Amino acid sequence: MSRKIKVVAVAAGIVAAASVAWPVAAQYAKPEDAVKYRKAAFTVMGSHMGRIFAQLKSTTPDMRVIQTSAQTVESMSKLPWDAFAPNTELVADTQALPALFKNDAKVKELAQKMQEEVSKLNTVAKSGDVAAIRTQFNAAAKSCDNCHDDFRAK
């Protein structure tokens, strides 16, 4: 192997190792960027939960809207958590209460529960059973509220 190829291979290995070990906070140029990212994820989730809710109130719910929205909510539910990075509690433009940053175990537990409930919602939505979707929608919404009650400014 030529010296140049060895240098490139070693450099690539270092970059790969660094990217795995790179702190989550380093993914964002500024704490404000992390806050914008997580707010965007929660906004999309909330919008799609609203779409599902509107369909469930309708006398003729559009299953396509419910199903695509449930899928979107499940996908988005995995995104915001890394963006609760160090120093984001100092950003003024957030509804996250200081208690959120002092209760990692509780937040992780609530986030996991929410992800489980929205995953179930996505599964139930595929069935097309409006009554079952309504029941699971309420469980998913409650799992969101559980975190909001303790860690989000009103």
N, C-alpha and C. Protein backbone atom coordinates (compact mmCIF):
# COMPACT_ATOMS: atom_id res chain seq x y z
N MET A 1 0.86 -1.18 0.00
CA MET A 1 0.00 0.00 0.00
C MET A 1 0.90 1.23 0.00
N SER A 2 0.64 2.16 -0.88
CA SER A 2 1.47 3.35 -0.96
C SER A 2 1.27 4.21 0.28
N ARG A 3 2.25 5.05 0.55
CA ARG A 3 2.19 5.94 1.71
C ARG A 3 0.97 6.86 1.64
N LYS A 4 0.66 7.37 0.48
CA LYS A 4 -0.48 8.28 0.32
C LYS A 4 -1.79 7.58 0.67
N ILE A 5 -1.96 6.34 0.20
CA ILE A 5 -3.18 5.59 0.49
C ILE A 5 -3.27 5.31 1.99
N LYS A 6 -2.13 4.98 2.62
CA LYS A 6 -2.13 4.72 4.06
C LYS A 6 -2.54 5.97 4.84
N VAL A 7 -2.03 7.11 4.44
CA VAL A 7 -2.38 8.37 5.13
C VAL A 7 -3.86 8.66 4.98
N VAL A 8 -4.39 8.47 3.79
CA VAL A 8 -5.82 8.70 3.55
C VAL A 8 -6.65 7.71 4.38
N ALA A 9 -6.25 6.46 4.43
CA ALA A 9 -6.98 5.45 5.20
C ALA A 9 -6.97 5.77 6.69
N VAL A 10 -5.83 6.17 7.20
CA VAL A 10 -5.73 6.53 8.62
C VAL A 10 -6.59 7.75 8.91
N ALA A 11 -6.53 8.74 8.04
CA ALA A 11 -7.33 9.96 8.22
C ALA A 11 -8.82 9.63 8.20
N ALA A 12 -9.22 8.77 7.28
CA ALA A 12 -10.63 8.38 7.21
C ALA A 12 -11.05 7.65 8.48
N GLY A 13 -10.18 6.81 9.00
CA GLY A 13 -10.47 6.11 10.25
C GLY A 13 -10.61 7.06 11.42
N ILE A 14 -9.77 8.06 11.48
CA ILE A 14 -9.84 9.06 12.55
C ILE A 14 -11.14 9.85 12.45
N VAL A 15 -11.50 10.25 11.26
CA VAL A 15 -12.74 11.00 11.05
C VAL A 15 -13.94 10.13 11.45
N ALA A 16 -13.94 8.87 11.05
CA ALA A 16 -15.04 7.99 11.39
C ALA A 16 -15.14 7.79 12.90
N ALA A 17 -14.02 7.59 13.56
CA ALA A 17 -14.03 7.42 15.01
C ALA A 17 -14.48 8.69 15.71
N ALA A 18 -14.04 9.81 15.23
CA ALA A 18 -14.43 11.08 15.84
C ALA A 18 -15.92 11.34 15.65
N SER A 19 -16.45 10.97 14.50
CA SER A 19 -17.87 11.23 14.27
C SER A 19 -18.74 10.38 15.19
N VAL A 20 -18.28 9.19 15.54
CA VAL A 20 -19.04 8.35 16.46
C VAL A 20 -18.95 8.90 17.87
N ALA A 21 -17.79 9.38 18.25
CA ALA A 21 -17.58 9.87 19.61
C ALA A 21 -17.92 11.35 19.77
N TRP A 22 -18.20 12.01 18.68
CA TRP A 22 -18.47 13.45 18.70
C TRP A 22 -19.68 13.73 19.59
N PRO A 23 -19.57 14.67 20.50
CA PRO A 23 -20.70 14.95 21.38
C PRO A 23 -21.92 15.45 20.61
N VAL A 24 -23.08 15.07 21.12
CA VAL A 24 -24.34 15.48 20.49
C VAL A 24 -24.40 16.98 20.34
N ALA A 25 -23.96 17.70 21.37
CA ALA A 25 -24.03 19.16 21.34
C ALA A 25 -23.24 19.74 20.17
N ALA A 26 -22.22 19.03 19.72
CA ALA A 26 -21.41 19.53 18.62
C ALA A 26 -22.13 19.44 17.27
N GLN A 27 -23.27 18.77 17.24
CA GLN A 27 -24.04 18.69 16.01
C GLN A 27 -24.68 20.02 15.66
N TYR A 28 -24.75 20.90 16.62
CA TYR A 28 -25.39 22.20 16.43
C TYR A 28 -24.35 23.29 16.63
N ALA A 29 -24.32 24.25 15.72
CA ALA A 29 -23.34 25.32 15.79
C ALA A 29 -23.54 26.16 17.04
N LYS A 30 -24.79 26.35 17.43
CA LYS A 30 -25.12 27.16 18.61
C LYS A 30 -26.27 26.49 19.34
N PRO A 31 -26.40 26.75 20.64
CA PRO A 31 -27.55 26.20 21.37
C PRO A 31 -28.88 26.60 20.73
N GLU A 32 -28.94 27.79 20.16
CA GLU A 32 -30.17 28.25 19.51
C GLU A 32 -30.56 27.34 18.34
N ASP A 33 -29.55 26.79 17.65
CA ASP A 33 -29.81 25.89 16.53
C ASP A 33 -30.45 24.59 17.02
N ALA A 34 -29.99 24.09 18.16
CA ALA A 34 -30.59 22.88 18.73
C ALA A 34 -32.04 23.14 19.12
N VAL A 35 -32.29 24.31 19.70
CA VAL A 35 -33.66 24.65 20.10
C VAL A 35 -34.55 24.75 18.86
N LYS A 36 -34.08 25.38 17.81
CA LYS A 36 -34.86 25.49 16.57
C LYS A 36 -35.17 24.10 16.02
N TYR A 37 -34.19 23.23 16.06
CA TYR A 37 -34.36 21.87 15.54
C TYR A 37 -35.44 21.12 16.32
N ARG A 38 -35.33 21.13 17.64
CA ARG A 38 -36.31 20.37 18.43
C ARG A 38 -37.69 21.00 18.35
N LYS A 39 -37.76 22.33 18.29
CA LYS A 39 -39.06 22.98 18.15
C LYS A 39 -39.70 22.62 16.81
N ALA A 40 -38.90 22.53 15.77
CA ALA A 40 -39.42 22.16 14.46
C ALA A 40 -39.98 20.73 14.49
N ALA A 41 -39.26 19.82 15.12
CA ALA A 41 -39.74 18.44 15.21
C ALA A 41 -41.05 18.38 15.99
N PHE A 42 -41.12 19.09 17.11
CA PHE A 42 -42.36 19.09 17.90
C PHE A 42 -43.50 19.77 17.16
N THR A 43 -43.19 20.80 16.38
CA THR A 43 -44.22 21.49 15.60
C THR A 43 -44.83 20.55 14.56
N VAL A 44 -43.98 19.81 13.87
CA VAL A 44 -44.48 18.86 12.87
C VAL A 44 -45.32 17.78 13.55
N MET A 45 -44.83 17.26 14.67
CA MET A 45 -45.60 16.25 15.40
C MET A 45 -46.96 16.80 15.80
N GLY A 46 -46.98 17.99 16.38
CA GLY A 46 -48.23 18.60 16.82
C GLY A 46 -49.19 18.85 15.67
N SER A 47 -48.65 19.28 14.56
CA SER A 47 -49.48 19.52 13.38
C SER A 47 -50.16 18.24 12.92
N HIS A 48 -49.40 17.16 12.88
CA HIS A 48 -49.97 15.90 12.41
C HIS A 48 -50.90 15.27 13.44
N MET A 49 -50.63 15.47 14.72
CA MET A 49 -51.60 15.02 15.74
C MET A 49 -52.90 15.81 15.56
N GLY A 50 -52.78 17.09 15.25
CA GLY A 50 -53.97 17.92 14.99
C GLY A 50 -54.75 17.43 13.78
N ARG A 51 -54.03 17.00 12.76
CA ARG A 51 -54.71 16.48 11.56
C ARG A 51 -55.48 15.21 11.89
N ILE A 52 -54.86 14.35 12.69
CA ILE A 52 -55.55 13.11 13.09
C ILE A 52 -56.78 13.46 13.92
N PHE A 53 -56.61 14.35 14.88
CA PHE A 53 -57.72 14.76 15.74
C PHE A 53 -58.89 15.30 14.92
N ALA A 54 -58.59 16.14 13.94
CA ALA A 54 -59.64 16.70 13.09
C ALA A 54 -60.37 15.60 12.33
N GLN A 55 -59.64 14.62 11.85
CA GLN A 55 -60.28 13.51 11.12
C GLN A 55 -61.14 12.67 12.05
N LEU A 56 -60.67 12.48 13.27
CA LEU A 56 -61.44 11.66 14.23
C LEU A 56 -62.72 12.37 14.67
N LYS A 57 -62.76 13.68 14.55
CA LYS A 57 -63.98 14.44 14.86
C LYS A 57 -64.95 14.43 13.69
N SER A 58 -64.47 14.13 12.51
CA SER A 58 -65.28 14.15 11.30
C SER A 58 -66.23 12.95 11.27
N THR A 59 -67.38 13.15 10.64
CA THR A 59 -68.31 12.03 10.48
C THR A 59 -67.80 11.02 9.45
N THR A 60 -66.92 11.48 8.56
CA THR A 60 -66.32 10.59 7.56
C THR A 60 -64.80 10.79 7.56
N PRO A 61 -64.11 10.20 8.53
CA PRO A 61 -62.66 10.39 8.61
C PRO A 61 -61.94 9.89 7.36
N ASP A 62 -60.95 10.64 6.94
CA ASP A 62 -60.13 10.27 5.79
C ASP A 62 -58.98 9.41 6.31
N MET A 63 -59.05 8.11 6.08
CA MET A 63 -58.04 7.18 6.59
C MET A 63 -56.65 7.49 6.05
N ARG A 64 -56.58 7.96 4.82
CA ARG A 64 -55.27 8.28 4.24
C ARG A 64 -54.59 9.37 5.07
N VAL A 65 -55.34 10.40 5.46
CA VAL A 65 -54.78 11.49 6.27
C VAL A 65 -54.35 10.95 7.63
N ILE A 66 -55.20 10.14 8.23
CA ILE A 66 -54.87 9.57 9.55
C ILE A 66 -53.62 8.71 9.45
N GLN A 67 -53.57 7.85 8.46
CA GLN A 67 -52.45 6.92 8.33
C GLN A 67 -51.12 7.63 8.02
N THR A 68 -51.15 8.57 7.09
CA THR A 68 -49.89 9.27 6.78
C THR A 68 -49.46 10.15 7.95
N SER A 69 -50.41 10.74 8.64
CA SER A 69 -50.07 11.58 9.78
C SER A 69 -49.52 10.74 10.93
N ALA A 70 -50.10 9.57 11.18
CA ALA A 70 -49.61 8.69 12.24
C ALA A 70 -48.19 8.23 11.94
N GLN A 71 -47.93 7.95 10.69
CA GLN A 71 -46.58 7.54 10.29
C GLN A 71 -45.59 8.69 10.50
N THR A 72 -46.00 9.89 10.15
CA THR A 72 -45.13 11.06 10.33
C THR A 72 -44.86 11.31 11.81
N VAL A 73 -45.89 11.22 12.64
CA VAL A 73 -45.71 11.44 14.08
C VAL A 73 -44.73 10.42 14.63
N GLU A 74 -44.88 9.17 14.24
CA GLU A 74 -43.94 8.15 14.75
C GLU A 74 -42.51 8.47 14.33
N SER A 75 -42.31 8.81 13.08
CA SER A 75 -40.96 9.14 12.61
C SER A 75 -40.38 10.35 13.34
N MET A 76 -41.18 11.37 13.48
CA MET A 76 -40.71 12.60 14.12
C MET A 76 -40.45 12.42 15.61
N SER A 77 -41.12 11.47 16.24
CA SER A 77 -40.99 11.29 17.69
C SER A 77 -39.58 10.91 18.11
N LYS A 78 -38.78 10.48 17.19
CA LYS A 78 -37.41 10.06 17.49
C LYS A 78 -36.40 11.21 17.38
N LEU A 79 -36.82 12.32 16.81
CA LEU A 79 -35.87 13.37 16.46
C LEU A 79 -35.48 14.39 17.54
N PRO A 80 -36.39 14.89 18.33
CA PRO A 80 -36.03 16.08 19.12
C PRO A 80 -35.11 15.84 20.31
N TRP A 81 -34.94 14.62 20.74
CA TRP A 81 -34.32 14.37 22.05
C TRP A 81 -32.84 14.73 22.13
N ASP A 82 -32.07 14.50 21.09
CA ASP A 82 -30.67 14.89 21.11
C ASP A 82 -30.49 16.40 21.14
N ALA A 83 -31.52 17.12 20.75
CA ALA A 83 -31.42 18.57 20.69
C ALA A 83 -31.68 19.23 22.05
N PHE A 84 -31.92 18.44 23.09
CA PHE A 84 -31.94 18.98 24.46
C PHE A 84 -30.51 18.92 24.96
N ALA A 85 -29.65 19.61 24.24
CA ALA A 85 -28.21 19.57 24.46
C ALA A 85 -27.80 20.58 25.54
N PRO A 86 -26.57 20.44 26.05
CA PRO A 86 -26.08 21.40 27.04
C PRO A 86 -26.19 22.84 26.53
N ASN A 87 -26.51 23.71 27.42
CA ASN A 87 -26.65 25.15 27.19
C ASN A 87 -27.93 25.55 26.48
N THR A 88 -28.73 24.58 26.04
CA THR A 88 -29.99 24.97 25.41
C THR A 88 -30.99 25.46 26.46
N GLU A 89 -30.74 25.11 27.71
CA GLU A 89 -31.61 25.62 28.78
C GLU A 89 -31.43 27.13 28.98
N LEU A 90 -30.36 27.67 28.43
CA LEU A 90 -30.08 29.11 28.55
C LEU A 90 -30.74 29.93 27.45
N VAL A 91 -31.27 29.27 26.44
CA VAL A 91 -31.91 29.96 25.32
C VAL A 91 -33.27 30.47 25.77
N ALA A 92 -33.52 31.74 25.52
CA ALA A 92 -34.77 32.37 25.99
C ALA A 92 -35.98 31.90 25.20
N ASP A 93 -35.83 31.63 23.93
CA ASP A 93 -36.97 31.31 23.07
C ASP A 93 -37.30 29.81 23.10
N THR A 94 -37.70 29.34 24.27
CA THR A 94 -38.08 27.94 24.42
C THR A 94 -39.12 27.82 25.52
N GLN A 95 -39.95 26.82 25.41
CA GLN A 95 -40.94 26.56 26.44
C GLN A 95 -40.47 25.48 27.41
N ALA A 96 -39.28 24.96 27.20
CA ALA A 96 -38.73 23.93 28.09
C ALA A 96 -38.40 24.57 29.44
N LEU A 97 -38.94 23.97 30.48
CA LEU A 97 -38.68 24.47 31.84
C LEU A 97 -37.31 23.99 32.32
N PRO A 98 -36.68 24.72 33.22
CA PRO A 98 -35.38 24.30 33.75
C PRO A 98 -35.40 22.90 34.34
N ALA A 99 -36.53 22.48 34.89
CA ALA A 99 -36.63 21.15 35.50
C ALA A 99 -36.33 20.04 34.49
N LEU A 100 -36.62 20.28 33.22
CA LEU A 100 -36.37 19.28 32.19
C LEU A 100 -34.89 18.89 32.17
N PHE A 101 -34.03 19.85 32.33
CA PHE A 101 -32.59 19.61 32.22
C PHE A 101 -32.00 19.02 33.49
N LYS A 102 -32.81 18.90 34.52
CA LYS A 102 -32.34 18.34 35.79
C LYS A 102 -32.93 16.96 36.05
N ASN A 103 -33.72 16.46 35.13
CA ASN A 103 -34.42 15.20 35.31
C ASN A 103 -34.26 14.28 34.10
N ASP A 104 -33.03 14.01 33.72
CA ASP A 104 -32.77 13.20 32.53
C ASP A 104 -33.51 11.87 32.53
N ALA A 105 -33.46 11.16 33.65
CA ALA A 105 -34.09 9.83 33.70
C ALA A 105 -35.59 9.92 33.46
N LYS A 106 -36.24 10.87 34.08
CA LYS A 106 -37.69 11.04 33.93
C LYS A 106 -38.03 11.45 32.50
N VAL A 107 -37.25 12.37 31.94
CA VAL A 107 -37.50 12.81 30.56
C VAL A 107 -37.33 11.65 29.59
N LYS A 108 -36.28 10.86 29.77
CA LYS A 108 -36.07 9.70 28.89
C LYS A 108 -37.21 8.71 29.02
N GLU A 109 -37.68 8.49 30.25
CA GLU A 109 -38.80 7.59 30.47
C GLU A 109 -40.06 8.09 29.76
N LEU A 110 -40.35 9.38 29.91
CA LEU A 110 -41.53 9.96 29.26
C LEU A 110 -41.40 9.95 27.74
N ALA A 111 -40.20 10.24 27.24
CA ALA A 111 -39.97 10.23 25.79
C ALA A 111 -40.17 8.83 25.24
N GLN A 112 -39.64 7.83 25.93
CA GLN A 112 -39.78 6.45 25.49
C GLN A 112 -41.25 6.03 25.49
N LYS A 113 -41.97 6.40 26.53
CA LYS A 113 -43.40 6.07 26.61
C LYS A 113 -44.17 6.72 25.46
N MET A 114 -43.86 7.99 25.18
CA MET A 114 -44.51 8.69 24.08
C MET A 114 -44.20 7.99 22.75
N GLN A 115 -42.96 7.62 22.56
CA GLN A 115 -42.59 6.94 21.32
C GLN A 115 -43.32 5.61 21.18
N GLU A 116 -43.48 4.89 22.27
CA GLU A 116 -44.22 3.63 22.23
C GLU A 116 -45.69 3.87 21.86
N GLU A 117 -46.29 4.90 22.46
CA GLU A 117 -47.70 5.17 22.20
C GLU A 117 -47.94 5.65 20.76
N VAL A 118 -47.04 6.47 20.23
CA VAL A 118 -47.24 6.93 18.84
C VAL A 118 -46.93 5.80 17.86
N SER A 119 -46.05 4.90 18.24
CA SER A 119 -45.81 3.72 17.41
C SER A 119 -47.06 2.85 17.36
N LYS A 120 -47.69 2.66 18.51
CA LYS A 120 -48.96 1.92 18.55
C LYS A 120 -50.02 2.63 17.72
N LEU A 121 -50.05 3.95 17.80
CA LEU A 121 -51.02 4.73 17.01
C LEU A 121 -50.80 4.46 15.52
N ASN A 122 -49.56 4.46 15.09
CA ASN A 122 -49.27 4.19 13.69
C ASN A 122 -49.73 2.79 13.30
N THR A 123 -49.50 1.82 14.15
CA THR A 123 -49.93 0.46 13.87
C THR A 123 -51.45 0.36 13.80
N VAL A 124 -52.13 0.95 14.78
CA VAL A 124 -53.59 0.91 14.81
C VAL A 124 -54.19 1.67 13.63
N ALA A 125 -53.55 2.76 13.24
CA ALA A 125 -54.07 3.55 12.11
C ALA A 125 -54.12 2.71 10.84
N LYS A 126 -53.16 1.82 10.69
CA LYS A 126 -53.12 0.97 9.49
C LYS A 126 -54.31 0.03 9.43
N SER A 127 -54.93 -0.25 10.58
CA SER A 127 -56.08 -1.16 10.62
C SER A 127 -57.33 -0.53 10.03
N GLY A 128 -57.42 0.80 10.10
CA GLY A 128 -58.60 1.49 9.61
C GLY A 128 -59.77 1.48 10.58
N ASP A 129 -59.60 0.92 11.76
CA ASP A 129 -60.64 0.84 12.78
C ASP A 129 -60.71 2.18 13.53
N VAL A 130 -61.69 3.00 13.20
CA VAL A 130 -61.79 4.36 13.76
C VAL A 130 -61.88 4.34 15.28
N ALA A 131 -62.65 3.44 15.84
CA ALA A 131 -62.79 3.38 17.30
C ALA A 131 -61.45 3.05 17.96
N ALA A 132 -60.73 2.09 17.40
CA ALA A 132 -59.41 1.73 17.94
C ALA A 132 -58.41 2.87 17.76
N ILE A 133 -58.48 3.54 16.63
CA ILE A 133 -57.59 4.67 16.39
C ILE A 133 -57.88 5.78 17.41
N ARG A 134 -59.15 6.05 17.63
CA ARG A 134 -59.54 7.09 18.59
C ARG A 134 -58.99 6.76 19.99
N THR A 135 -59.13 5.52 20.42
CA THR A 135 -58.63 5.10 21.73
C THR A 135 -57.12 5.27 21.81
N GLN A 136 -56.41 4.82 20.78
CA GLN A 136 -54.95 4.92 20.80
C GLN A 136 -54.48 6.36 20.62
N PHE A 137 -55.22 7.14 19.84
CA PHE A 137 -54.90 8.56 19.71
C PHE A 137 -54.93 9.23 21.09
N ASN A 138 -55.96 8.93 21.87
CA ASN A 138 -56.07 9.51 23.21
C ASN A 138 -54.90 9.09 24.10
N ALA A 139 -54.47 7.84 23.99
CA ALA A 139 -53.31 7.37 24.76
C ALA A 139 -52.03 8.08 24.32
N ALA A 140 -51.88 8.25 23.02
CA ALA A 140 -50.70 8.95 22.50
C ALA A 140 -50.70 10.41 22.94
N ALA A 141 -51.84 11.07 22.83
CA ALA A 141 -51.94 12.48 23.24
C ALA A 141 -51.65 12.62 24.73
N LYS A 142 -52.13 11.69 25.54
CA LYS A 142 -51.88 11.72 26.98
C LYS A 142 -50.38 11.58 27.25
N SER A 143 -49.71 10.73 26.47
CA SER A 143 -48.27 10.54 26.68
C SER A 143 -47.50 11.83 26.36
N CYS A 144 -47.99 12.60 25.41
CA CYS A 144 -47.39 13.91 25.12
C CYS A 144 -47.64 14.86 26.29
N ASP A 145 -48.88 14.87 26.75
CA ASP A 145 -49.25 15.76 27.86
C ASP A 145 -48.46 15.47 29.12
N ASN A 146 -48.13 14.21 29.36
CA ASN A 146 -47.38 13.85 30.57
C ASN A 146 -46.07 14.63 30.66
N CYS A 147 -45.40 14.79 29.56
CA CYS A 147 -44.15 15.54 29.55
C CYS A 147 -44.43 17.03 29.63
N HIS A 148 -45.43 17.49 28.88
CA HIS A 148 -45.79 18.90 28.89
C HIS A 148 -46.17 19.36 30.29
N ASP A 149 -46.88 18.52 31.03
CA ASP A 149 -47.33 18.89 32.37
C ASP A 149 -46.17 19.24 33.29
N ASP A 150 -45.08 18.49 33.19
CA ASP A 150 -43.95 18.70 34.11
C ASP A 150 -42.84 19.57 33.55
N PHE A 151 -42.68 19.59 32.24
CA PHE A 151 -41.46 20.17 31.68
C PHE A 151 -41.66 21.24 30.62
N ARG A 152 -42.89 21.67 30.40
CA ARG A 152 -43.14 22.70 29.37
C ARG A 152 -43.91 23.86 29.98
N ALA A 153 -43.44 25.06 29.70
CA ALA A 153 -44.12 26.26 30.18
C ALA A 153 -45.47 26.36 29.51
N LYS A 154 -46.46 26.80 30.26
CA LYS A 154 -47.82 26.91 29.73
C LYS A 154 -47.96 28.15 28.89
